[in-house]
Amino acid sequence: WRCEETVRKAIGFYFKGRKDLKKVDREDVYCEIRLEIYKSIEKFGGRGSFDSFIWRISERVIKKYLKCVKEKQKVKLCRDMSEYNAREEREERIKEVMIGIALLPRIYGEVLLKYKEGYSLEDISHLTGCPLGTIRWRYVEGLRKLRKILKGE
């Protein structure tokens, strides 16, 4: 294929020093350029140099591809930042809840902490030796008091 060398030169020129782009990216771009040349060959009409025609098509496809890559990187960075912020907010909320539990009377805080650790109310009842109804009441009352603390009342 006569224009293959021009396409390879264009890809090499624009991809030079780009460590974020892999061999697969080069192959994708190469295929896109060949497709675009196939679609545009009728427009050539013999005016000017065929190599410059191929170079312009290659340049247009490569720039479009690099723009898409740049946009994907921006989106990934934004997603990473929002995940980081959400994680920080979650950790901050957990700290607030733990402080709130520490401020509760012991009978409520003990039940809430055990429940948070994954124990069922029945398990907590067996561990503490208190009736299940009492544990349920302490759990519900503890949550009510915790909500008040977290609201700042």
N, C-alpha and C. Protein backbone atom coordinates (compact mmCIF):
# COMPACT_ATOMS: atom_id res chain seq x y z
N TRP A 1 0.86 -1.17 0.00
CA TRP A 1 0.00 0.00 0.00
C TRP A 1 0.89 1.22 0.00
N ARG A 2 0.78 2.04 -1.00
CA ARG A 2 1.71 3.13 -1.25
C ARG A 2 1.71 4.20 -0.15
N CYS A 3 0.57 4.53 0.37
CA CYS A 3 0.48 5.62 1.34
C CYS A 3 0.73 5.15 2.77
N GLU A 4 0.97 3.87 2.95
CA GLU A 4 1.17 3.33 4.29
C GLU A 4 2.34 4.01 5.01
N GLU A 5 3.39 4.28 4.27
CA GLU A 5 4.57 4.92 4.87
C GLU A 5 4.23 6.32 5.38
N THR A 6 3.43 7.07 4.63
CA THR A 6 3.02 8.41 5.05
C THR A 6 2.17 8.34 6.31
N VAL A 7 1.26 7.37 6.35
CA VAL A 7 0.40 7.19 7.53
C VAL A 7 1.26 6.84 8.74
N ARG A 8 2.18 5.92 8.58
CA ARG A 8 3.06 5.53 9.70
C ARG A 8 3.89 6.72 10.19
N LYS A 9 4.37 7.55 9.25
CA LYS A 9 5.15 8.74 9.64
C LYS A 9 4.28 9.70 10.45
N ALA A 10 3.05 9.90 10.01
CA ALA A 10 2.13 10.80 10.71
C ALA A 10 1.85 10.29 12.12
N ILE A 11 1.57 9.00 12.23
CA ILE A 11 1.32 8.41 13.55
C ILE A 11 2.55 8.55 14.43
N GLY A 12 3.72 8.24 13.88
CA GLY A 12 4.96 8.38 14.65
C GLY A 12 5.19 9.81 15.10
N PHE A 13 4.89 10.78 14.21
CA PHE A 13 5.09 12.19 14.52
C PHE A 13 4.20 12.64 15.67
N TYR A 14 2.93 12.29 15.62
CA TYR A 14 1.99 12.76 16.63
C TYR A 14 2.01 11.93 17.92
N PHE A 15 2.43 10.70 17.84
CA PHE A 15 2.46 9.84 19.02
C PHE A 15 3.82 9.87 19.71
N LYS A 16 4.78 10.56 19.12
CA LYS A 16 6.14 10.59 19.67
C LYS A 16 6.14 11.11 21.11
N GLY A 17 6.74 10.33 21.99
CA GLY A 17 6.87 10.73 23.39
C GLY A 17 5.60 10.57 24.22
N ARG A 18 4.55 10.03 23.64
CA ARG A 18 3.30 9.85 24.37
C ARG A 18 3.31 8.50 25.06
N LYS A 19 3.65 8.48 26.35
CA LYS A 19 3.71 7.23 27.09
C LYS A 19 2.32 6.74 27.52
N ASP A 20 1.34 7.64 27.46
CA ASP A 20 -0.02 7.26 27.85
C ASP A 20 -0.76 6.51 26.74
N LEU A 21 -0.17 6.47 25.56
CA LEU A 21 -0.80 5.78 24.43
C LEU A 21 -0.06 4.47 24.16
N LYS A 22 -0.80 3.43 23.96
CA LYS A 22 -0.22 2.10 23.79
C LYS A 22 -0.23 1.69 22.32
N LYS A 23 0.34 0.53 22.05
CA LYS A 23 0.38 -0.01 20.69
C LYS A 23 -1.04 -0.18 20.14
N VAL A 24 -1.95 -0.58 21.01
CA VAL A 24 -3.35 -0.76 20.59
C VAL A 24 -3.91 0.56 20.07
N ASP A 25 -3.55 1.68 20.74
CA ASP A 25 -4.01 2.99 20.29
C ASP A 25 -3.50 3.29 18.89
N ARG A 26 -2.23 3.00 18.65
CA ARG A 26 -1.65 3.22 17.33
C ARG A 26 -2.39 2.40 16.27
N GLU A 27 -2.68 1.16 16.59
CA GLU A 27 -3.38 0.29 15.63
C GLU A 27 -4.80 0.79 15.38
N ASP A 28 -5.47 1.26 16.43
CA ASP A 28 -6.81 1.83 16.26
C ASP A 28 -6.77 3.04 15.34
N VAL A 29 -5.81 3.92 15.58
CA VAL A 29 -5.69 5.12 14.76
C VAL A 29 -5.36 4.74 13.32
N TYR A 30 -4.47 3.79 13.16
CA TYR A 30 -4.10 3.34 11.83
C TYR A 30 -5.33 2.85 11.06
N CYS A 31 -6.15 2.05 11.71
CA CYS A 31 -7.38 1.55 11.07
C CYS A 31 -8.35 2.68 10.75
N GLU A 32 -8.47 3.63 11.67
CA GLU A 32 -9.36 4.78 11.44
C GLU A 32 -8.87 5.60 10.25
N ILE A 33 -7.56 5.79 10.12
CA ILE A 33 -7.01 6.55 9.01
C ILE A 33 -7.29 5.84 7.69
N ARG A 34 -7.06 4.54 7.67
CA ARG A 34 -7.31 3.78 6.44
C ARG A 34 -8.78 3.88 6.04
N LEU A 35 -9.67 3.80 7.01
CA LEU A 35 -11.10 3.92 6.73
C LEU A 35 -11.42 5.31 6.18
N GLU A 36 -10.86 6.33 6.79
CA GLU A 36 -11.10 7.71 6.34
C GLU A 36 -10.55 7.94 4.93
N ILE A 37 -9.38 7.36 4.64
CA ILE A 37 -8.81 7.48 3.29
C ILE A 37 -9.74 6.81 2.29
N TYR A 38 -10.24 5.65 2.65
CA TYR A 38 -11.16 4.93 1.76
C TYR A 38 -12.41 5.76 1.47
N LYS A 39 -12.93 6.43 2.53
CA LYS A 39 -14.13 7.25 2.35
C LYS A 39 -13.85 8.51 1.52
N SER A 40 -12.64 9.04 1.65
CA SER A 40 -12.32 10.34 1.05
C SER A 40 -11.59 10.26 -0.28
N ILE A 41 -11.24 9.09 -0.75
CA ILE A 41 -10.41 8.95 -1.94
C ILE A 41 -11.02 9.62 -3.17
N GLU A 42 -12.35 9.62 -3.26
CA GLU A 42 -13.02 10.26 -4.40
C GLU A 42 -12.82 11.78 -4.40
N LYS A 43 -12.64 12.36 -3.22
CA LYS A 43 -12.47 13.82 -3.11
C LYS A 43 -11.09 14.26 -3.59
N PHE A 44 -10.15 13.33 -3.66
CA PHE A 44 -8.78 13.70 -4.05
C PHE A 44 -8.75 14.27 -5.45
N GLY A 45 -9.25 13.58 -6.40
CA GLY A 45 -9.36 14.09 -7.77
C GLY A 45 -8.06 14.41 -8.46
N GLY A 46 -6.92 14.00 -7.94
CA GLY A 46 -5.64 14.21 -8.60
C GLY A 46 -5.05 15.59 -8.40
N ARG A 47 -5.68 16.44 -7.61
CA ARG A 47 -5.16 17.77 -7.36
C ARG A 47 -4.12 17.68 -6.25
N GLY A 48 -2.95 18.21 -6.44
CA GLY A 48 -1.90 18.24 -5.44
C GLY A 48 -1.25 16.88 -5.25
N SER A 49 -0.44 16.83 -4.21
CA SER A 49 0.32 15.62 -3.92
C SER A 49 -0.56 14.62 -3.16
N PHE A 50 -0.48 13.36 -3.59
CA PHE A 50 -1.25 12.32 -2.91
C PHE A 50 -0.74 12.14 -1.47
N ASP A 51 0.59 12.26 -1.28
CA ASP A 51 1.16 12.13 0.07
C ASP A 51 0.63 13.22 1.01
N SER A 52 0.51 14.46 0.51
CA SER A 52 0.00 15.52 1.38
C SER A 52 -1.49 15.31 1.68
N PHE A 53 -2.22 14.75 0.72
CA PHE A 53 -3.62 14.40 0.93
C PHE A 53 -3.73 13.37 2.06
N ILE A 54 -2.90 12.34 2.00
CA ILE A 54 -2.88 11.29 3.02
C ILE A 54 -2.45 11.88 4.37
N TRP A 55 -1.45 12.75 4.35
CA TRP A 55 -0.96 13.36 5.58
C TRP A 55 -2.07 14.17 6.25
N ARG A 56 -2.81 14.95 5.47
CA ARG A 56 -3.89 15.77 6.05
C ARG A 56 -4.98 14.90 6.67
N ILE A 57 -5.35 13.83 5.99
CA ILE A 57 -6.34 12.91 6.55
C ILE A 57 -5.81 12.29 7.84
N SER A 58 -4.55 11.85 7.80
CA SER A 58 -3.94 11.23 8.98
C SER A 58 -3.91 12.21 10.13
N GLU A 59 -3.51 13.44 9.83
CA GLU A 59 -3.42 14.47 10.86
C GLU A 59 -4.78 14.73 11.50
N ARG A 60 -5.82 14.85 10.67
CA ARG A 60 -7.17 15.11 11.17
C ARG A 60 -7.66 13.97 12.07
N VAL A 61 -7.46 12.73 11.65
CA VAL A 61 -7.91 11.57 12.43
C VAL A 61 -7.13 11.47 13.74
N ILE A 62 -5.82 11.68 13.68
CA ILE A 62 -4.97 11.58 14.88
C ILE A 62 -5.35 12.65 15.89
N LYS A 63 -5.51 13.89 15.42
CA LYS A 63 -5.88 14.97 16.35
C LYS A 63 -7.24 14.71 17.00
N LYS A 64 -8.17 14.20 16.21
CA LYS A 64 -9.49 13.85 16.77
C LYS A 64 -9.34 12.76 17.83
N TYR A 65 -8.53 11.76 17.53
CA TYR A 65 -8.30 10.66 18.48
C TYR A 65 -7.64 11.17 19.76
N LEU A 66 -6.61 12.00 19.62
CA LEU A 66 -5.92 12.53 20.80
C LEU A 66 -6.83 13.41 21.64
N LYS A 67 -7.72 14.14 20.98
CA LYS A 67 -8.69 14.96 21.71
C LYS A 67 -9.61 14.07 22.55
N CYS A 68 -10.05 12.95 21.94
CA CYS A 68 -10.90 12.00 22.68
C CYS A 68 -10.15 11.41 23.87
N VAL A 69 -8.88 11.08 23.67
CA VAL A 69 -8.06 10.53 24.76
C VAL A 69 -7.95 11.54 25.88
N LYS A 70 -7.73 12.81 25.52
CA LYS A 70 -7.61 13.87 26.51
C LYS A 70 -8.90 14.04 27.30
N GLU A 71 -10.04 13.99 26.61
CA GLU A 71 -11.33 14.10 27.27
C GLU A 71 -11.57 12.93 28.23
N LYS A 72 -11.20 11.72 27.80
CA LYS A 72 -11.35 10.55 28.66
C LYS A 72 -10.51 10.70 29.91
N GLN A 73 -9.30 11.25 29.76
CA GLN A 73 -8.42 11.45 30.92
C GLN A 73 -9.02 12.47 31.87
N LYS A 74 -9.63 13.53 31.32
CA LYS A 74 -10.28 14.53 32.17
C LYS A 74 -11.43 13.91 32.94
N VAL A 75 -12.24 13.11 32.24
CA VAL A 75 -13.39 12.46 32.88
C VAL A 75 -12.90 11.53 33.97
N LYS A 76 -11.85 10.76 33.69
CA LYS A 76 -11.30 9.84 34.69
C LYS A 76 -10.79 10.61 35.90
N LEU A 77 -10.10 11.73 35.66
CA LEU A 77 -9.59 12.55 36.76
C LEU A 77 -10.74 13.09 37.59
N CYS A 78 -11.80 13.58 36.93
CA CYS A 78 -12.96 14.10 37.66
C CYS A 78 -13.63 12.99 38.47
N ARG A 79 -13.75 11.80 37.86
CA ARG A 79 -14.35 10.67 38.56
C ARG A 79 -13.51 10.28 39.77
N ASP A 80 -12.17 10.25 39.59
CA ASP A 80 -11.29 9.92 40.70
C ASP A 80 -11.42 10.94 41.82
N MET A 81 -11.50 12.23 41.47
CA MET A 81 -11.63 13.28 42.48
C MET A 81 -12.97 13.18 43.21
N SER A 82 -14.04 12.90 42.46
CA SER A 82 -15.34 12.81 43.12
C SER A 82 -15.40 11.59 44.02
N GLU A 83 -14.78 10.47 43.60
CA GLU A 83 -14.73 9.29 44.46
C GLU A 83 -13.91 9.58 45.71
N TYR A 84 -12.81 10.31 45.54
CA TYR A 84 -11.97 10.68 46.69
C TYR A 84 -12.75 11.56 47.65
N ASN A 85 -13.46 12.56 47.11
CA ASN A 85 -14.24 13.45 47.96
C ASN A 85 -15.36 12.71 48.67
N ALA A 86 -16.03 11.80 47.95
CA ALA A 86 -17.11 11.02 48.56
C ALA A 86 -16.56 10.14 49.68
N ARG A 87 -15.39 9.56 49.46
CA ARG A 87 -14.77 8.71 50.48
C ARG A 87 -14.41 9.54 51.71
N GLU A 88 -13.86 10.75 51.48
CA GLU A 88 -13.53 11.62 52.61
C GLU A 88 -14.78 12.02 53.39
N GLU A 89 -15.85 12.35 52.66
CA GLU A 89 -17.11 12.73 53.32
C GLU A 89 -17.68 11.56 54.12
N ARG A 90 -17.60 10.35 53.55
CA ARG A 90 -18.08 9.16 54.26
C ARG A 90 -17.27 8.93 55.54
N GLU A 91 -15.94 9.06 55.43
CA GLU A 91 -15.08 8.86 56.60
C GLU A 91 -15.36 9.91 57.66
N GLU A 92 -15.60 11.15 57.22
CA GLU A 92 -15.91 12.23 58.16
C GLU A 92 -17.24 11.94 58.86
N ARG A 93 -18.21 11.45 58.10
CA ARG A 93 -19.53 11.13 58.68
C ARG A 93 -19.41 9.99 59.68
N ILE A 94 -18.59 8.99 59.35
CA ILE A 94 -18.38 7.86 60.27
C ILE A 94 -17.76 8.36 61.57
N LYS A 95 -16.80 9.28 61.47
CA LYS A 95 -16.18 9.85 62.68
C LYS A 95 -17.23 10.56 63.53
N GLU A 96 -18.10 11.35 62.86
CA GLU A 96 -19.16 12.06 63.59
C GLU A 96 -20.08 11.08 64.31
N VAL A 97 -20.45 10.00 63.61
CA VAL A 97 -21.33 8.99 64.21
C VAL A 97 -20.65 8.33 65.40
N MET A 98 -19.37 7.99 65.26
CA MET A 98 -18.65 7.34 66.36
C MET A 98 -18.54 8.27 67.57
N ILE A 99 -18.31 9.55 67.32
CA ILE A 99 -18.27 10.52 68.42
C ILE A 99 -19.64 10.61 69.07
N GLY A 100 -20.69 10.62 68.22
CA GLY A 100 -22.06 10.67 68.74
C GLY A 100 -22.36 9.45 69.60
N ILE A 101 -21.93 8.27 69.17
CA ILE A 101 -22.15 7.05 69.96
C ILE A 101 -21.40 7.13 71.28
N ALA A 102 -20.19 7.70 71.24
CA ALA A 102 -19.41 7.84 72.47
C ALA A 102 -20.10 8.77 73.47
N LEU A 103 -20.87 9.72 72.98
CA LEU A 103 -21.57 10.66 73.85
C LEU A 103 -22.85 10.09 74.45
N LEU A 104 -23.32 8.97 73.89
CA LEU A 104 -24.54 8.34 74.41
C LEU A 104 -24.27 7.65 75.74
N PRO A 105 -25.33 7.48 76.54
CA PRO A 105 -25.17 6.64 77.74
C PRO A 105 -24.72 5.24 77.31
N ARG A 106 -23.97 4.58 78.16
CA ARG A 106 -23.32 3.31 77.83
C ARG A 106 -24.30 2.24 77.35
N ILE A 107 -25.48 2.17 77.97
CA ILE A 107 -26.42 1.11 77.61
C ILE A 107 -26.87 1.20 76.14
N TYR A 108 -26.94 2.43 75.60
CA TYR A 108 -27.33 2.61 74.20
C TYR A 108 -26.13 2.43 73.27
N GLY A 109 -25.03 3.05 73.64
CA GLY A 109 -23.83 2.98 72.81
C GLY A 109 -23.33 1.56 72.62
N GLU A 110 -23.42 0.77 73.68
CA GLU A 110 -22.97 -0.62 73.62
C GLU A 110 -23.76 -1.41 72.56
N VAL A 111 -25.07 -1.22 72.56
CA VAL A 111 -25.92 -1.93 71.60
C VAL A 111 -25.65 -1.45 70.18
N LEU A 112 -25.55 -0.14 69.99
CA LEU A 112 -25.30 0.39 68.65
C LEU A 112 -23.95 -0.05 68.10
N LEU A 113 -22.93 -0.06 68.94
CA LEU A 113 -21.60 -0.50 68.48
C LEU A 113 -21.60 -1.97 68.09
N LYS A 114 -22.22 -2.80 68.91
CA LYS A 114 -22.28 -4.23 68.59
C LYS A 114 -23.06 -4.44 67.28
N TYR A 115 -24.15 -3.69 67.12
CA TYR A 115 -24.93 -3.82 65.90
C TYR A 115 -24.10 -3.39 64.68
N LYS A 116 -23.35 -2.30 64.85
CA LYS A 116 -22.48 -1.80 63.78
C LYS A 116 -21.41 -2.83 63.42
N GLU A 117 -20.95 -3.59 64.39
CA GLU A 117 -19.93 -4.61 64.17
C GLU A 117 -20.49 -5.84 63.46
N GLY A 118 -21.81 -5.89 63.28
CA GLY A 118 -22.40 -6.99 62.53
C GLY A 118 -23.19 -7.98 63.36
N TYR A 119 -23.29 -7.75 64.65
CA TYR A 119 -24.09 -8.63 65.50
C TYR A 119 -25.57 -8.33 65.30
N SER A 120 -26.39 -9.38 65.33
CA SER A 120 -27.84 -9.17 65.26
C SER A 120 -28.32 -8.78 66.67
N LEU A 121 -29.52 -8.28 66.75
CA LEU A 121 -30.06 -7.91 68.07
C LEU A 121 -30.19 -9.15 68.96
N GLU A 122 -30.50 -10.29 68.35
CA GLU A 122 -30.57 -11.54 69.12
C GLU A 122 -29.20 -11.90 69.70
N ASP A 123 -28.16 -11.75 68.88
CA ASP A 123 -26.79 -12.04 69.35
C ASP A 123 -26.40 -11.12 70.50
N ILE A 124 -26.76 -9.84 70.37
CA ILE A 124 -26.45 -8.87 71.42
C ILE A 124 -27.18 -9.25 72.70
N SER A 125 -28.41 -9.71 72.55
CA SER A 125 -29.19 -10.15 73.70
C SER A 125 -28.47 -11.29 74.43
N HIS A 126 -27.99 -12.27 73.68
CA HIS A 126 -27.27 -13.39 74.28
C HIS A 126 -25.95 -12.94 74.93
N LEU A 127 -25.22 -12.03 74.25
CA LEU A 127 -23.94 -11.57 74.77
C LEU A 127 -24.09 -10.79 76.08
N THR A 128 -25.12 -9.94 76.13
CA THR A 128 -25.29 -9.09 77.31
C THR A 128 -26.12 -9.75 78.41
N GLY A 129 -26.87 -10.79 78.03
CA GLY A 129 -27.73 -11.45 79.02
C GLY A 129 -29.01 -10.70 79.27
N CYS A 130 -29.32 -9.70 78.44
CA CYS A 130 -30.56 -8.93 78.58
C CYS A 130 -31.62 -9.50 77.65
N PRO A 131 -32.90 -9.34 78.02
CA PRO A 131 -33.97 -9.82 77.15
C PRO A 131 -33.94 -9.10 75.79
N LEU A 132 -34.41 -9.81 74.77
CA LEU A 132 -34.40 -9.27 73.41
C LEU A 132 -35.22 -7.98 73.32
N GLY A 133 -36.35 -7.91 74.00
CA GLY A 133 -37.18 -6.69 73.98
C GLY A 133 -36.42 -5.49 74.52
N THR A 134 -35.63 -5.71 75.57
CA THR A 134 -34.83 -4.62 76.16
C THR A 134 -33.78 -4.15 75.16
N ILE A 135 -33.13 -5.10 74.47
CA ILE A 135 -32.10 -4.76 73.49
C ILE A 135 -32.72 -3.97 72.33
N ARG A 136 -33.89 -4.41 71.88
CA ARG A 136 -34.57 -3.68 70.81
C ARG A 136 -34.89 -2.25 71.24
N TRP A 137 -35.39 -2.11 72.45
CA TRP A 137 -35.71 -0.78 72.97
C TRP A 137 -34.46 0.08 73.05
N ARG A 138 -33.38 -0.47 73.57
CA ARG A 138 -32.11 0.28 73.67
C ARG A 138 -31.60 0.67 72.28
N TYR A 139 -31.78 -0.22 71.31
CA TYR A 139 -31.33 0.06 69.95
C TYR A 139 -32.13 1.23 69.37
N VAL A 140 -33.45 1.15 69.45
CA VAL A 140 -34.31 2.20 68.89
C VAL A 140 -34.10 3.51 69.63
N GLU A 141 -34.04 3.46 70.93
CA GLU A 141 -33.83 4.66 71.75
C GLU A 141 -32.44 5.24 71.49
N GLY A 142 -31.46 4.37 71.35
CA GLY A 142 -30.10 4.82 71.05
C GLY A 142 -30.03 5.54 69.70
N LEU A 143 -30.71 5.00 68.70
CA LEU A 143 -30.74 5.66 67.39
C LEU A 143 -31.41 7.03 67.48
N ARG A 144 -32.50 7.08 68.24
CA ARG A 144 -33.22 8.35 68.40
C ARG A 144 -32.32 9.40 69.05
N LYS A 145 -31.62 8.99 70.11
CA LYS A 145 -30.74 9.91 70.82
C LYS A 145 -29.52 10.29 69.94
N LEU A 146 -29.04 9.33 69.16
CA LEU A 146 -27.90 9.59 68.28
C LEU A 146 -28.29 10.61 67.20
N ARG A 147 -29.49 10.48 66.65
CA ARG A 147 -29.96 11.45 65.66
C ARG A 147 -30.00 12.86 66.24
N LYS A 148 -30.47 12.98 67.47
CA LYS A 148 -30.52 14.28 68.13
C LYS A 148 -29.12 14.85 68.30
N ILE A 149 -28.19 14.01 68.70
CA ILE A 149 -26.80 14.47 68.88
C ILE A 149 -26.22 14.93 67.55
N LEU A 150 -26.45 14.15 66.49
CA LEU A 150 -25.88 14.49 65.19
C LEU A 150 -26.52 15.75 64.59
N LYS A 151 -27.79 16.01 64.93
CA LYS A 151 -28.44 17.22 64.48
C LYS A 151 -28.01 18.42 65.28
N GLY A 152 -27.35 18.19 66.41
CA GLY A 152 -26.88 19.28 67.25
C GLY A 152 -27.89 19.77 68.25
N GLU A 153 -28.88 18.95 68.55
CA GLU A 153 -29.93 19.36 69.51
C GLU A 153 -29.48 19.08 70.92
